[in-house]
Amino acid sequence: MWAAPYGTFALLAVLVADAPKWDLFIALGQYGISVIIGLLTLMGFYVLLVFFFARVSPTTFLKGISPAQLLAFSTSSSVATLPVTMERVEDHLGVEEEVSSFVLPIGATINMDGTTLYQAVAAVFIAQAFGIELDIQTQLGIIATATLASIGSAGVPGAGMVMLVIVLAQAGIPEAGLSFIFAIDRPLDMCRTTVNITGDATVSMLIAKSDNKLHLE
């Protein structure tokens, strides 16, 4: 564990030294932007779901869940954020404890939409870095495997990177490509965890609304 940062630095040093000019940095920047755009799209989708089906305004929803989002962003852990998520959903978004205590712990374990998106984009990026062309069947396989892998992913920092190995193996993409994205994985992990817990809150509100257990003043 103590040697891991030095090993990562050595891997990245070789890549940077071999990269022509700024191509590697430009590619990583495009990859990071692609992931963030996808995560923002998911976030917007959650807000629309809450607005149209739970009848809660985007401002109220985001204001209510923002402390949990900030904690998720800083810890990169859905599990560590769970108590705060439950408190915000119950006390500030009007979800009854009966619903939140059932939905949110399950969501923190299996509802990893942000992680699924990240794994799919990362797999495509690594394949392109190796010059591997992905047909439609392989791309669909990546989506399916990323979804299943995210369900089994632990809600702790860096878990998505570990499960990405499964996605790459299924698609026939060299696992060595993980070294390409180590350098910027941490900030992306923070962003996708924020999306994950927002998705959990969204589901709890929709279920509470359908069961008449949403009481937002």
Protein backbone atom coordinates (compact mmCIF):
# COMPACT_ATOMS: atom_id res chain seq x y z
CA MET A 1 0.00 0.00 0.00
CA TRP A 2 2.79 2.43 0.90
CA ALA A 3 4.54 1.70 -2.40
CA ALA A 4 1.41 2.15 -4.55
CA PRO A 5 1.84 5.93 -5.13
CA TYR A 6 5.43 5.42 -6.25
CA GLY A 7 4.41 2.61 -8.59
CA THR A 8 1.67 4.75 -10.11
CA PHE A 9 4.13 7.62 -10.57
CA ALA A 10 6.57 5.30 -12.34
CA LEU A 11 3.85 4.02 -14.71
CA LEU A 12 2.75 7.53 -15.57
CA ALA A 13 6.33 8.75 -15.97
CA VAL A 14 6.93 6.17 -18.71
CA LEU A 15 3.71 7.13 -20.50
CA VAL A 16 4.50 10.84 -20.34
CA ALA A 17 8.07 10.29 -21.54
CA ASP A 18 6.91 8.23 -24.53
CA ALA A 19 3.98 10.48 -25.44
CA PRO A 20 4.46 12.73 -28.48
CA LYS A 21 4.30 16.36 -27.31
CA TRP A 22 1.04 17.05 -25.45
CA ASP A 23 -1.06 14.32 -27.05
CA LEU A 24 -1.42 12.30 -23.85
CA PHE A 25 -2.55 15.28 -21.79
CA ILE A 26 -5.02 16.38 -24.46
CA ALA A 27 -6.47 12.86 -24.67
CA LEU A 28 -6.82 12.63 -20.88
CA GLY A 29 -8.48 16.03 -20.80
CA GLN A 30 -10.99 14.98 -23.45
CA TYR A 31 -11.66 11.77 -21.55
CA GLY A 32 -12.25 13.64 -18.29
CA ILE A 33 -14.54 16.17 -19.97
CA SER A 34 -16.53 13.35 -21.59
CA VAL A 35 -17.10 11.68 -18.22
CA ILE A 36 -18.09 14.96 -16.55
CA ILE A 37 -20.53 15.84 -19.35
CA GLY A 38 -22.12 12.41 -18.98
CA LEU A 39 -22.39 12.81 -15.20
CA LEU A 40 -23.95 16.26 -15.56
CA THR A 41 -26.47 14.78 -18.01
CA LEU A 42 -27.38 12.14 -15.43
CA MET A 43 -27.72 14.81 -12.77
CA GLY A 44 -30.05 16.81 -15.00
CA PHE A 45 -32.10 13.67 -15.64
CA TYR A 46 -32.51 13.13 -11.89
CA VAL A 47 -33.68 16.70 -11.41
CA LEU A 48 -36.26 16.30 -14.18
CA LEU A 49 -37.54 13.05 -12.67
CA VAL A 50 -38.01 14.69 -9.28
CA PHE A 51 -39.69 17.71 -10.86
CA PHE A 52 -42.16 15.85 -13.07
CA PHE A 53 -42.97 12.83 -10.90
CA ALA A 54 -42.40 13.98 -7.31
CA ARG A 55 -43.50 17.57 -8.00
CA VAL A 56 -40.47 19.02 -6.23
CA SER A 57 -38.67 22.00 -7.76
CA PRO A 58 -35.02 21.60 -8.83
CA THR A 59 -33.98 24.34 -6.38
CA THR A 60 -35.66 22.63 -3.43
CA PHE A 61 -34.25 19.24 -4.36
CA LEU A 62 -30.66 20.38 -4.91
CA LYS A 63 -30.69 22.60 -1.83
CA GLY A 64 -32.01 19.74 0.28
CA ILE A 65 -29.48 17.17 -0.89
CA SER A 66 -26.45 19.47 -1.31
CA PRO A 67 -24.77 18.70 2.08
CA ALA A 68 -24.81 14.99 1.22
CA GLN A 69 -23.44 15.79 -2.24
CA LEU A 70 -20.58 17.77 -0.73
CA LEU A 71 -19.72 14.94 1.65
CA ALA A 72 -19.87 12.41 -1.19
CA PHE A 73 -17.61 14.63 -3.27
CA SER A 74 -15.03 14.90 -0.49
CA THR A 75 -15.05 11.25 0.61
CA SER A 76 -15.77 9.44 -2.69
CA SER A 77 -17.79 6.95 -0.65
CA SER A 78 -21.53 6.31 -0.92
CA VAL A 79 -21.44 4.24 2.26
CA ALA A 80 -19.71 6.94 4.32
CA THR A 81 -22.24 9.47 3.05
CA LEU A 82 -25.27 7.28 3.81
CA PRO A 83 -26.16 8.71 7.26
CA VAL A 84 -26.10 12.27 5.91
CA THR A 85 -28.08 11.25 2.82
CA MET A 86 -30.76 9.69 5.01
CA GLU A 87 -30.92 12.74 7.27
CA ARG A 88 -31.27 15.16 4.34
CA VAL A 89 -33.86 13.06 2.53
CA GLU A 90 -35.99 12.58 5.64
CA ASP A 91 -35.71 15.99 7.32
CA HIS A 92 -35.36 18.28 4.31
CA LEU A 93 -37.00 16.48 1.40
CA GLY A 94 -39.97 14.97 3.23
CA VAL A 95 -39.37 11.25 2.68
CA GLU A 96 -40.71 9.05 5.48
CA GLU A 97 -38.13 7.01 7.38
CA GLU A 98 -39.89 3.78 6.38
CA VAL A 99 -38.96 4.46 2.75
CA SER A 100 -35.52 6.01 3.19
CA SER A 101 -34.27 3.35 5.60
CA PHE A 102 -35.06 0.67 3.02
CA VAL A 103 -34.20 2.39 -0.28
CA LEU A 104 -31.04 4.33 0.56
CA PRO A 105 -28.92 1.49 2.04
CA ILE A 106 -29.74 -0.66 -0.99
CA GLY A 107 -29.02 2.24 -3.32
CA ALA A 108 -25.64 2.88 -1.69
CA THR A 109 -24.72 -0.69 -2.61
CA ILE A 110 -26.23 -1.36 -6.03
CA ASN A 111 -27.41 1.95 -7.52
CA MET A 112 -24.15 3.16 -9.10
CA ASP A 113 -25.28 5.01 -12.23
CA GLY A 114 -22.28 7.34 -12.20
CA THR A 115 -19.89 4.41 -11.86
CA THR A 116 -21.56 2.58 -14.76
CA LEU A 117 -21.17 5.61 -17.01
CA TYR A 118 -17.55 6.08 -15.98
CA GLN A 119 -16.64 2.45 -16.65
CA ALA A 120 -18.22 2.48 -20.11
CA VAL A 121 -16.47 5.71 -21.12
CA ALA A 122 -13.16 4.53 -19.65
CA ALA A 123 -13.35 1.23 -21.54
CA VAL A 124 -13.95 3.02 -24.85
CA PHE A 125 -11.14 5.49 -24.14
CA ILE A 126 -8.63 2.73 -23.35
CA ALA A 127 -9.68 0.79 -26.44
CA GLN A 128 -9.10 3.87 -28.59
CA ALA A 129 -5.72 4.42 -26.94
CA PHE A 130 -4.69 0.93 -28.05
CA GLY A 131 -6.19 1.40 -31.51
CA ILE A 132 -8.86 -1.25 -30.93
CA GLU A 133 -12.07 -0.87 -32.91
CA LEU A 134 -15.23 -1.78 -31.01
CA ASP A 135 -18.21 -3.10 -32.94
CA ILE A 136 -21.79 -2.62 -31.78
CA GLN A 137 -21.93 -6.03 -30.11
CA THR A 138 -18.80 -5.30 -28.08
CA GLN A 139 -20.09 -1.86 -27.09
CA LEU A 140 -23.37 -3.36 -25.90
CA GLY A 141 -21.36 -5.94 -23.97
CA ILE A 142 -19.40 -3.15 -22.31
CA ILE A 143 -22.62 -1.43 -21.26
CA ALA A 144 -24.08 -4.65 -19.84
CA THR A 145 -20.90 -5.63 -18.03
CA ALA A 146 -20.39 -2.12 -16.66
CA THR A 147 -23.93 -2.15 -15.29
CA LEU A 148 -23.47 -5.53 -13.60
CA ALA A 149 -19.99 -4.65 -12.33
CA SER A 150 -21.24 -1.41 -10.79
CA ILE A 151 -23.96 -3.32 -8.93
CA GLY A 152 -21.28 -5.44 -7.28
CA SER A 153 -18.98 -2.48 -6.67
CA ALA A 154 -18.34 -1.47 -3.07
CA GLY A 155 -19.29 2.05 -2.07
CA VAL A 156 -15.72 2.98 -1.16
CA PRO A 157 -13.09 5.17 -2.87
CA GLY A 158 -11.47 3.59 -5.92
CA ALA A 159 -13.83 0.61 -6.13
CA GLY A 160 -14.92 1.55 -9.65
CA MET A 161 -11.34 1.28 -10.88
CA VAL A 162 -11.09 -2.27 -9.53
CA MET A 163 -14.34 -3.35 -11.18
CA LEU A 164 -13.22 -1.76 -14.45
CA VAL A 165 -10.81 -4.67 -14.84
CA ILE A 166 -13.82 -6.96 -15.36
CA VAL A 167 -15.27 -4.67 -18.02
CA LEU A 168 -11.97 -4.50 -19.90
CA ALA A 169 -11.48 -8.27 -19.75
CA GLN A 170 -14.96 -8.92 -21.14
CA ALA A 171 -14.32 -6.61 -24.09
CA GLY A 172 -10.86 -7.98 -24.81
CA ILE A 173 -9.18 -4.68 -23.94
CA PRO A 174 -5.72 -4.88 -22.28
CA GLU A 175 -5.97 -4.22 -18.55
CA ALA A 176 -2.62 -2.42 -18.78
CA GLY A 177 -4.62 0.50 -20.16
CA LEU A 178 -5.69 1.31 -16.60
CA SER A 179 -2.37 3.08 -16.22
CA PHE A 180 -3.63 5.69 -18.70
CA ILE A 181 -6.37 6.93 -16.38
CA PHE A 182 -4.85 6.50 -12.91
CA ALA A 183 -3.72 10.12 -12.82
CA ILE A 184 -7.20 11.65 -13.12
CA ASP A 185 -9.30 8.91 -11.55
CA ARG A 186 -9.54 10.51 -8.10
CA PRO A 187 -11.38 13.72 -9.16
CA LEU A 188 -13.64 11.68 -11.43
CA ASP A 189 -14.33 9.28 -8.55
CA MET A 190 -15.44 12.25 -6.46
CA CYS A 191 -17.79 13.41 -9.21
CA ARG A 192 -19.35 10.02 -9.90
CA THR A 193 -19.94 9.37 -6.19
CA THR A 194 -21.84 12.65 -6.01
CA VAL A 195 -24.04 11.49 -8.89
CA ASN A 196 -24.52 8.08 -7.27
CA ILE A 197 -25.94 9.45 -4.02
CA THR A 198 -28.09 11.95 -5.92
CA GLY A 199 -29.58 9.01 -7.79
CA ASP A 200 -30.28 7.26 -4.49
CA ALA A 201 -32.10 10.33 -3.19
CA THR A 202 -34.08 10.59 -6.42
CA VAL A 203 -35.27 6.99 -6.22
CA SER A 204 -36.29 7.37 -2.58
CA MET A 205 -38.36 10.46 -3.41
CA LEU A 206 -40.08 8.79 -6.36
CA ILE A 207 -40.97 5.72 -4.30
CA ALA A 208 -42.17 7.88 -1.40
CA LYS A 209 -44.33 9.89 -3.80
CA SER A 210 -45.89 6.77 -5.32
CA ASP A 211 -46.69 5.42 -1.83
CA ASN A 212 -48.00 8.77 -0.53
CA LYS A 213 -45.11 8.95 1.92
CA LEU A 214 -43.57 12.17 0.66
CA HIS A 215 -44.47 15.11 2.89
CA LEU A 216 -42.54 18.16 1.79
CA GLU A 217 -43.83 21.43 3.22
